[in-house]
Amino acid sequence: INDGEGHPSSSHQTLKGTSKWATSLENLLEDPEGVKRFREFLKKEFSEENVLFWLACEEFKKTQGKKQMQEKAKEIYMTFLSSKASSQVNVEGQSRLNETILETPHPLMFQKLQDQIFNLMKYDSYSRFLKSDIFLNLKKAEEQEENSPEAQTAAKRASRIYNT
């Protein structure tokens, strides 16, 4: 389906790359390239542990078997939540987990903490990421690629195929 000028209508174009990332933090976190670029940005801001914790929690939810869950839960606790954690995340004190809960893990045991970190990223670092050089340079490169003669020629060929 084309608009009046023979271009695909925007309602049928699927967003990709930076355009998709800019619509929501959820979209950014669903894209491995988006996660990579967001991590780059957070590393410069000294807060990469937030996205690493969020990703670890997502992975933890998929863990099968009590023994594996105990091991992963302990790893998450020691890496991100313990007072001696190497990459400690900043969560509210009263919502910190007690080590005894690690003995009886369940898939959503980190959910409250993960939600806190998600909201911290969403309302703090994500908006700064969208204004960062990392994001803006990627967006500019994508736009230049889309507007290149090769991309336009391919689009014209595709529209000829679909318009016959």
N, C-alpha and C. Protein backbone atom coordinates (compact mmCIF):
# COMPACT_ATOMS: atom_id res chain seq x y z
N ILE A 1 0.86 -1.18 0.00
CA ILE A 1 0.00 0.00 0.00
C ILE A 1 0.89 1.23 0.00
N ASN A 2 0.61 2.15 -0.91
CA ASN A 2 1.46 3.33 -1.04
C ASN A 2 0.66 4.60 -0.75
N ASP A 3 1.41 5.64 -0.38
CA ASP A 3 0.76 6.94 -0.24
C ASP A 3 0.67 7.54 -1.64
N GLY A 4 0.21 8.74 -1.77
CA GLY A 4 0.01 9.36 -3.08
C GLY A 4 1.26 9.46 -3.93
N GLU A 5 2.43 9.44 -3.31
CA GLU A 5 3.67 9.63 -4.06
C GLU A 5 4.40 8.32 -4.34
N GLY A 6 3.74 7.20 -4.13
CA GLY A 6 4.37 5.92 -4.42
C GLY A 6 5.28 5.40 -3.32
N HIS A 7 5.29 6.04 -2.16
CA HIS A 7 6.09 5.56 -1.03
C HIS A 7 5.22 4.65 -0.18
N PRO A 8 5.82 3.65 0.46
CA PRO A 8 5.01 2.81 1.34
C PRO A 8 4.37 3.69 2.42
N SER A 9 3.11 3.46 2.71
CA SER A 9 2.45 4.29 3.73
C SER A 9 3.01 3.95 5.09
N SER A 10 3.13 4.96 5.94
CA SER A 10 3.81 4.79 7.22
C SER A 10 3.08 3.80 8.13
N SER A 11 1.78 3.64 7.97
CA SER A 11 1.07 2.72 8.84
C SER A 11 1.48 1.27 8.58
N HIS A 12 2.11 1.02 7.43
CA HIS A 12 2.53 -0.34 7.13
C HIS A 12 4.03 -0.53 7.27
N GLN A 13 4.75 0.52 7.63
CA GLN A 13 6.18 0.38 7.85
C GLN A 13 6.40 -0.04 9.29
N THR A 14 7.27 -1.00 9.51
CA THR A 14 7.57 -1.38 10.88
C THR A 14 8.80 -0.60 11.32
N LEU A 15 8.73 -0.07 12.52
CA LEU A 15 9.86 0.69 13.04
C LEU A 15 11.01 -0.26 13.32
N LYS A 16 12.22 0.23 13.07
CA LYS A 16 13.38 -0.58 13.39
C LYS A 16 14.48 0.30 13.95
N GLY A 17 15.44 -0.32 14.58
CA GLY A 17 16.60 0.40 15.09
C GLY A 17 16.23 1.53 16.03
N THR A 18 16.89 2.66 15.82
CA THR A 18 16.74 3.78 16.76
C THR A 18 15.31 4.28 16.84
N SER A 19 14.55 4.20 15.75
CA SER A 19 13.15 4.66 15.79
C SER A 19 12.35 3.83 16.77
N LYS A 20 12.59 2.53 16.75
CA LYS A 20 11.88 1.63 17.66
C LYS A 20 12.35 1.86 19.10
N TRP A 21 13.66 2.02 19.27
CA TRP A 21 14.19 2.25 20.62
C TRP A 21 13.61 3.50 21.24
N ALA A 22 13.38 4.51 20.40
CA ALA A 22 12.91 5.80 20.91
C ALA A 22 11.45 5.74 21.35
N THR A 23 10.71 4.70 20.97
CA THR A 23 9.30 4.63 21.34
C THR A 23 9.11 4.19 22.78
N SER A 24 10.01 3.32 23.30
CA SER A 24 9.90 2.90 24.70
C SER A 24 11.16 2.17 25.15
N LEU A 25 11.38 2.20 26.45
CA LEU A 25 12.50 1.46 27.02
C LEU A 25 12.29 -0.04 26.79
N GLU A 26 11.03 -0.50 26.84
CA GLU A 26 10.73 -1.91 26.60
C GLU A 26 11.24 -2.33 25.21
N ASN A 27 10.95 -1.52 24.19
CA ASN A 27 11.41 -1.83 22.83
C ASN A 27 12.93 -1.85 22.75
N LEU A 28 13.56 -0.93 23.43
CA LEU A 28 15.03 -0.88 23.46
C LEU A 28 15.58 -2.17 24.07
N LEU A 29 15.00 -2.60 25.18
CA LEU A 29 15.51 -3.77 25.89
C LEU A 29 15.19 -5.09 25.18
N GLU A 30 14.27 -5.06 24.22
CA GLU A 30 13.96 -6.27 23.45
C GLU A 30 14.92 -6.47 22.28
N ASP A 31 15.69 -5.46 21.96
CA ASP A 31 16.60 -5.50 20.81
C ASP A 31 18.04 -5.66 21.31
N PRO A 32 18.70 -6.78 20.95
CA PRO A 32 20.08 -6.99 21.42
C PRO A 32 21.02 -5.82 21.08
N GLU A 33 20.84 -5.23 19.90
CA GLU A 33 21.68 -4.08 19.53
C GLU A 33 21.35 -2.88 20.42
N GLY A 34 20.08 -2.70 20.72
CA GLY A 34 19.65 -1.62 21.62
C GLY A 34 20.26 -1.78 23.00
N VAL A 35 20.23 -3.00 23.51
CA VAL A 35 20.81 -3.29 24.83
C VAL A 35 22.31 -2.98 24.81
N LYS A 36 22.97 -3.40 23.74
CA LYS A 36 24.42 -3.16 23.60
C LYS A 36 24.72 -1.66 23.67
N ARG A 37 23.96 -0.87 22.91
CA ARG A 37 24.20 0.58 22.86
C ARG A 37 23.82 1.25 24.18
N PHE A 38 22.74 0.79 24.80
CA PHE A 38 22.32 1.34 26.09
C PHE A 38 23.38 1.03 27.15
N ARG A 39 23.95 -0.18 27.10
CA ARG A 39 25.02 -0.54 28.04
C ARG A 39 26.24 0.36 27.84
N GLU A 40 26.59 0.62 26.58
CA GLU A 40 27.71 1.53 26.27
C GLU A 40 27.48 2.87 26.97
N PHE A 41 26.27 3.37 26.81
CA PHE A 41 25.91 4.66 27.40
C PHE A 41 25.97 4.59 28.93
N LEU A 42 25.37 3.56 29.52
CA LEU A 42 25.35 3.44 30.98
C LEU A 42 26.75 3.27 31.56
N LYS A 43 27.62 2.61 30.81
CA LYS A 43 29.00 2.44 31.26
C LYS A 43 29.65 3.81 31.44
N LYS A 44 29.40 4.71 30.48
CA LYS A 44 29.95 6.06 30.56
C LYS A 44 29.36 6.84 31.74
N GLU A 45 28.14 6.48 32.11
CA GLU A 45 27.46 7.14 33.24
C GLU A 45 27.72 6.42 34.57
N PHE A 46 28.51 5.38 34.54
CA PHE A 46 28.81 4.58 35.73
C PHE A 46 27.56 3.97 36.35
N SER A 47 26.63 3.52 35.49
CA SER A 47 25.44 2.86 36.02
C SER A 47 25.05 1.64 35.18
N GLU A 48 26.04 1.00 34.58
CA GLU A 48 25.78 -0.17 33.76
C GLU A 48 25.17 -1.31 34.58
N GLU A 49 25.45 -1.34 35.88
CA GLU A 49 24.92 -2.41 36.73
C GLU A 49 23.39 -2.48 36.69
N ASN A 50 22.74 -1.35 36.43
CA ASN A 50 21.28 -1.35 36.39
C ASN A 50 20.75 -2.25 35.28
N VAL A 51 21.24 -2.07 34.07
CA VAL A 51 20.76 -2.90 32.96
C VAL A 51 21.26 -4.34 33.11
N LEU A 52 22.44 -4.52 33.66
CA LEU A 52 22.95 -5.88 33.87
C LEU A 52 22.07 -6.62 34.88
N PHE A 53 21.67 -5.93 35.94
CA PHE A 53 20.77 -6.53 36.93
C PHE A 53 19.43 -6.86 36.29
N TRP A 54 18.88 -5.92 35.53
CA TRP A 54 17.59 -6.14 34.87
C TRP A 54 17.66 -7.37 33.96
N LEU A 55 18.73 -7.46 33.17
CA LEU A 55 18.91 -8.61 32.26
C LEU A 55 19.08 -9.91 33.04
N ALA A 56 19.83 -9.88 34.13
CA ALA A 56 20.02 -11.07 34.96
C ALA A 56 18.68 -11.55 35.53
N CYS A 57 17.83 -10.62 35.94
CA CYS A 57 16.51 -10.98 36.46
C CYS A 57 15.64 -11.60 35.37
N GLU A 58 15.71 -11.04 34.16
CA GLU A 58 14.95 -11.60 33.04
C GLU A 58 15.38 -13.05 32.78
N GLU A 59 16.68 -13.26 32.80
CA GLU A 59 17.24 -14.60 32.57
C GLU A 59 16.83 -15.53 33.71
N PHE A 60 16.87 -15.01 34.94
CA PHE A 60 16.52 -15.81 36.12
C PHE A 60 15.09 -16.34 36.03
N LYS A 61 14.16 -15.53 35.52
CA LYS A 61 12.75 -15.94 35.41
C LYS A 61 12.59 -17.17 34.54
N LYS A 62 13.53 -17.40 33.62
CA LYS A 62 13.44 -18.54 32.70
C LYS A 62 14.14 -19.78 33.25
N THR A 63 14.79 -19.66 34.41
CA THR A 63 15.57 -20.76 34.97
C THR A 63 14.67 -21.90 35.43
N GLN A 64 15.07 -23.10 35.05
CA GLN A 64 14.33 -24.31 35.44
C GLN A 64 15.12 -25.07 36.50
N GLY A 65 14.44 -25.71 37.42
CA GLY A 65 15.10 -26.55 38.41
C GLY A 65 15.53 -25.77 39.64
N LYS A 66 15.24 -26.35 40.81
CA LYS A 66 15.50 -25.66 42.08
C LYS A 66 16.99 -25.37 42.27
N LYS A 67 17.84 -26.35 41.96
CA LYS A 67 19.29 -26.18 42.16
C LYS A 67 19.83 -25.03 41.30
N GLN A 68 19.44 -25.00 40.00
CA GLN A 68 19.88 -23.92 39.12
C GLN A 68 19.35 -22.57 39.61
N MET A 69 18.10 -22.57 40.07
CA MET A 69 17.52 -21.32 40.59
C MET A 69 18.28 -20.83 41.81
N GLN A 70 18.63 -21.76 42.69
CA GLN A 70 19.39 -21.37 43.89
C GLN A 70 20.74 -20.76 43.50
N GLU A 71 21.40 -21.41 42.55
CA GLU A 71 22.71 -20.92 42.12
C GLU A 71 22.60 -19.54 41.48
N LYS A 72 21.63 -19.38 40.58
CA LYS A 72 21.47 -18.08 39.91
C LYS A 72 21.02 -17.01 40.89
N ALA A 73 20.12 -17.35 41.80
CA ALA A 73 19.64 -16.39 42.79
C ALA A 73 20.82 -15.90 43.64
N LYS A 74 21.66 -16.83 44.05
CA LYS A 74 22.82 -16.46 44.86
C LYS A 74 23.77 -15.58 44.06
N GLU A 75 23.96 -15.93 42.79
CA GLU A 75 24.84 -15.14 41.93
C GLU A 75 24.31 -13.71 41.77
N ILE A 76 23.02 -13.57 41.54
CA ILE A 76 22.41 -12.24 41.42
C ILE A 76 22.56 -11.48 42.72
N TYR A 77 22.29 -12.18 43.82
CA TYR A 77 22.39 -11.53 45.14
C TYR A 77 23.83 -11.04 45.39
N MET A 78 24.79 -11.92 45.16
CA MET A 78 26.19 -11.57 45.44
C MET A 78 26.72 -10.49 44.49
N THR A 79 26.25 -10.48 43.25
CA THR A 79 26.74 -9.52 42.26
C THR A 79 26.09 -8.15 42.39
N PHE A 80 24.79 -8.13 42.73
CA PHE A 80 24.05 -6.86 42.66
C PHE A 80 23.42 -6.38 43.96
N LEU A 81 23.14 -7.27 44.91
CA LEU A 81 22.31 -6.88 46.05
C LEU A 81 23.00 -6.91 47.41
N SER A 82 23.99 -7.74 47.56
CA SER A 82 24.67 -7.85 48.85
C SER A 82 25.41 -6.55 49.15
N SER A 83 25.65 -6.30 50.43
CA SER A 83 26.38 -5.08 50.80
C SER A 83 27.82 -5.12 50.29
N LYS A 84 28.31 -6.32 49.95
CA LYS A 84 29.66 -6.47 49.41
C LYS A 84 29.65 -6.68 47.90
N ALA A 85 28.51 -6.46 47.26
CA ALA A 85 28.36 -6.73 45.83
C ALA A 85 29.34 -5.91 45.00
N SER A 86 29.86 -6.56 43.96
CA SER A 86 30.82 -5.89 43.08
C SER A 86 30.13 -4.85 42.18
N SER A 87 28.87 -5.09 41.82
CA SER A 87 28.12 -4.17 40.96
C SER A 87 26.78 -3.84 41.63
N GLN A 88 26.86 -3.32 42.82
CA GLN A 88 25.66 -3.08 43.62
C GLN A 88 24.69 -2.11 42.95
N VAL A 89 23.40 -2.51 42.91
CA VAL A 89 22.38 -1.62 42.37
C VAL A 89 21.77 -0.83 43.52
N ASN A 90 21.25 0.33 43.18
CA ASN A 90 20.70 1.23 44.17
C ASN A 90 19.20 0.99 44.32
N VAL A 91 18.83 0.09 45.23
CA VAL A 91 17.42 -0.18 45.51
C VAL A 91 17.11 0.24 46.94
N GLU A 92 15.83 0.50 47.18
CA GLU A 92 15.43 0.95 48.52
C GLU A 92 15.83 -0.09 49.56
N GLY A 93 16.36 0.39 50.68
CA GLY A 93 16.88 -0.48 51.74
C GLY A 93 15.92 -1.56 52.20
N GLN A 94 14.66 -1.19 52.47
CA GLN A 94 13.72 -2.17 53.01
C GLN A 94 13.33 -3.24 51.99
N SER A 95 13.59 -2.99 50.72
CA SER A 95 13.23 -4.01 49.73
C SER A 95 14.40 -4.92 49.40
N ARG A 96 15.53 -4.71 50.05
CA ARG A 96 16.66 -5.63 49.87
C ARG A 96 16.25 -7.01 50.35
N LEU A 97 16.79 -8.01 49.70
CA LEU A 97 16.45 -9.38 50.07
C LEU A 97 17.31 -9.85 51.22
N ASN A 98 16.74 -10.67 52.03
CA ASN A 98 17.48 -11.33 53.09
C ASN A 98 18.11 -12.58 52.48
N GLU A 99 19.33 -12.90 52.84
CA GLU A 99 20.02 -14.05 52.24
C GLU A 99 19.27 -15.36 52.42
N THR A 100 18.45 -15.47 53.46
CA THR A 100 17.74 -16.73 53.72
C THR A 100 16.74 -17.06 52.61
N ILE A 101 16.23 -16.04 51.93
CA ILE A 101 15.27 -16.28 50.84
C ILE A 101 15.92 -17.02 49.67
N LEU A 102 17.23 -16.98 49.59
CA LEU A 102 17.95 -17.63 48.49
C LEU A 102 17.81 -19.16 48.54
N GLU A 103 17.48 -19.69 49.72
CA GLU A 103 17.31 -21.14 49.87
C GLU A 103 16.05 -21.65 49.18
N THR A 104 15.02 -20.81 49.12
CA THR A 104 13.75 -21.22 48.49
C THR A 104 13.40 -20.22 47.38
N PRO A 105 14.16 -20.25 46.29
CA PRO A 105 13.95 -19.28 45.22
C PRO A 105 12.67 -19.55 44.42
N HIS A 106 12.12 -18.51 43.84
CA HIS A 106 11.01 -18.65 42.91
C HIS A 106 11.22 -17.63 41.79
N PRO A 107 10.66 -17.88 40.59
CA PRO A 107 10.97 -17.06 39.42
C PRO A 107 10.77 -15.55 39.60
N LEU A 108 9.83 -15.15 40.44
CA LEU A 108 9.55 -13.71 40.58
C LEU A 108 10.12 -13.10 41.86
N MET A 109 11.06 -13.78 42.48
CA MET A 109 11.58 -13.29 43.76
C MET A 109 12.31 -11.94 43.65
N PHE A 110 12.80 -11.62 42.47
CA PHE A 110 13.49 -10.34 42.28
C PHE A 110 12.61 -9.28 41.62
N GLN A 111 11.34 -9.61 41.39
CA GLN A 111 10.47 -8.75 40.58
C GLN A 111 10.36 -7.32 41.10
N LYS A 112 10.13 -7.15 42.42
CA LYS A 112 10.00 -5.80 42.98
C LYS A 112 11.26 -4.98 42.75
N LEU A 113 12.39 -5.61 42.97
CA LEU A 113 13.67 -4.92 42.80
C LEU A 113 13.92 -4.62 41.33
N GLN A 114 13.57 -5.59 40.48
CA GLN A 114 13.74 -5.39 39.04
C GLN A 114 12.86 -4.23 38.57
N ASP A 115 11.64 -4.16 39.07
CA ASP A 115 10.73 -3.06 38.72
C ASP A 115 11.30 -1.72 39.16
N GLN A 116 11.89 -1.68 40.35
CA GLN A 116 12.51 -0.43 40.84
C GLN A 116 13.62 0.02 39.88
N ILE A 117 14.46 -0.92 39.49
CA ILE A 117 15.58 -0.60 38.60
C ILE A 117 15.07 -0.20 37.22
N PHE A 118 14.04 -0.91 36.75
CA PHE A 118 13.45 -0.56 35.45
C PHE A 118 12.95 0.88 35.48
N ASN A 119 12.22 1.24 36.53
CA ASN A 119 11.69 2.61 36.64
C ASN A 119 12.80 3.63 36.76
N LEU A 120 13.85 3.28 37.48
CA LEU A 120 15.00 4.17 37.59
C LEU A 120 15.59 4.42 36.19
N MET A 121 15.75 3.35 35.42
CA MET A 121 16.30 3.50 34.06
C MET A 121 15.32 4.28 33.19
N LYS A 122 14.04 3.93 33.28
CA LYS A 122 13.02 4.54 32.40
C LYS A 122 12.91 6.05 32.62
N TYR A 123 12.90 6.46 33.88
CA TYR A 123 12.67 7.88 34.17
C TYR A 123 13.95 8.68 34.35
N ASP A 124 15.09 8.01 34.26
CA ASP A 124 16.35 8.72 34.46
C ASP A 124 17.29 8.50 33.27
N SER A 125 17.94 7.36 33.21
CA SER A 125 18.97 7.16 32.18
C SER A 125 18.42 7.04 30.76
N TYR A 126 17.24 6.44 30.59
CA TYR A 126 16.70 6.26 29.24
C TYR A 126 16.50 7.60 28.52
N SER A 127 15.93 8.58 29.21
CA SER A 127 15.71 9.89 28.57
C SER A 127 17.04 10.56 28.22
N ARG A 128 18.05 10.37 29.08
CA ARG A 128 19.38 10.92 28.76
C ARG A 128 20.02 10.16 27.60
N PHE A 129 19.77 8.85 27.53
CA PHE A 129 20.29 8.05 26.42
C PHE A 129 19.75 8.57 25.09
N LEU A 130 18.46 8.91 25.05
CA LEU A 130 17.85 9.39 23.80
C LEU A 130 18.43 10.74 23.36
N LYS A 131 19.10 11.45 24.27
CA LYS A 131 19.73 12.73 23.93
C LYS A 131 21.24 12.59 23.78
N SER A 132 21.75 11.38 24.00
CA SER A 132 23.20 11.16 24.01
C SER A 132 23.78 11.11 22.59
N ASP A 133 25.09 11.35 22.51
CA ASP A 133 25.80 11.25 21.23
C ASP A 133 25.70 9.84 20.66
N ILE A 134 25.78 8.84 21.53
CA ILE A 134 25.71 7.44 21.07
C ILE A 134 24.42 7.23 20.27
N PHE A 135 23.29 7.62 20.87
CA PHE A 135 22.00 7.42 20.21
C PHE A 135 21.85 8.32 18.99
N LEU A 136 22.15 9.60 19.14
CA LEU A 136 21.94 10.55 18.05
C LEU A 136 22.81 10.22 16.83
N ASN A 137 24.05 9.76 17.06
CA ASN A 137 24.92 9.39 15.95
C ASN A 137 24.39 8.14 15.22
N LEU A 138 23.89 7.18 15.99
CA LEU A 138 23.30 5.98 15.38
C LEU A 138 22.07 6.35 14.56
N LYS A 139 21.25 7.22 15.12
CA LYS A 139 20.02 7.65 14.44
C LYS A 139 20.37 8.35 13.12
N LYS A 140 21.37 9.24 13.19
CA LYS A 140 21.79 9.98 11.98
C LYS A 140 22.31 9.00 10.93
N ALA A 141 23.11 8.03 11.34
CA ALA A 141 23.66 7.05 10.40
C ALA A 141 22.53 6.23 9.76
N GLU A 142 21.54 5.85 10.54
CA GLU A 142 20.39 5.11 10.00
C GLU A 142 19.63 5.94 8.98
N GLU A 143 19.42 7.21 9.31
CA GLU A 143 18.68 8.10 8.40
C GLU A 143 19.44 8.30 7.10
N GLN A 144 20.77 8.44 7.19
CA GLN A 144 21.58 8.61 5.98
C GLN A 144 21.52 7.34 5.13
N GLU A 145 21.53 6.19 5.79
CA GLU A 145 21.45 4.92 5.09
C GLU A 145 20.10 4.80 4.36
N GLU A 146 19.01 5.18 5.05
CA GLU A 146 17.68 5.11 4.45
C GLU A 146 17.53 6.06 3.27
N ASN A 147 18.24 7.19 3.33
CA ASN A 147 18.12 8.19 2.27
C ASN A 147 19.17 8.03 1.17
N SER A 148 19.99 6.97 1.28
CA SER A 148 21.03 6.76 0.27
C SER A 148 20.38 6.35 -1.05
N PRO A 149 21.04 6.64 -2.18
CA PRO A 149 20.48 6.26 -3.49
C PRO A 149 20.21 4.76 -3.60
N GLU A 150 21.08 3.92 -3.00
CA GLU A 150 20.88 2.47 -3.07
C GLU A 150 19.58 2.08 -2.37
N ALA A 151 19.32 2.65 -1.19
CA ALA A 151 18.11 2.32 -0.44
C ALA A 151 16.87 2.76 -1.21
N GLN A 152 16.95 3.94 -1.83
CA GLN A 152 15.80 4.44 -2.58
C GLN A 152 15.55 3.59 -3.83
N THR A 153 16.63 3.16 -4.48
CA THR A 153 16.48 2.32 -5.67
C THR A 153 15.82 1.00 -5.29
N ALA A 154 16.26 0.41 -4.18
CA ALA A 154 15.67 -0.85 -3.72
C ALA A 154 14.19 -0.65 -3.38
N ALA A 155 13.87 0.47 -2.76
CA ALA A 155 12.47 0.75 -2.42
C ALA A 155 11.63 0.93 -3.67
N LYS A 156 12.19 1.59 -4.67
CA LYS A 156 11.45 1.78 -5.94
C LYS A 156 11.22 0.44 -6.63
N ARG A 157 12.27 -0.40 -6.63
CA ARG A 157 12.12 -1.73 -7.23
C ARG A 157 11.02 -2.49 -6.50
N ALA A 158 11.05 -2.44 -5.17
CA ALA A 158 10.04 -3.15 -4.38
C ALA A 158 8.65 -2.61 -4.65
N SER A 159 8.51 -1.29 -4.79
CA SER A 159 7.18 -0.73 -5.01
C SER A 159 6.68 -1.08 -6.41
N ARG A 160 7.61 -1.20 -7.38
CA ARG A 160 7.19 -1.62 -8.72
C ARG A 160 6.67 -3.05 -8.69
N ILE A 161 7.35 -3.88 -7.92
CA ILE A 161 6.93 -5.29 -7.81
C ILE A 161 5.52 -5.37 -7.22
N TYR A 162 5.27 -4.60 -6.16
CA TYR A 162 3.98 -4.68 -5.48
C TYR A 162 2.88 -3.90 -6.17
N ASN A 163 3.24 -3.02 -7.08
CA ASN A 163 2.21 -2.21 -7.74
C ASN A 163 1.78 -2.77 -9.08
N THR A 164 2.30 -3.93 -9.47
CA THR A 164 1.90 -4.49 -10.76
C THR A 164 0.67 -5.33 -10.64
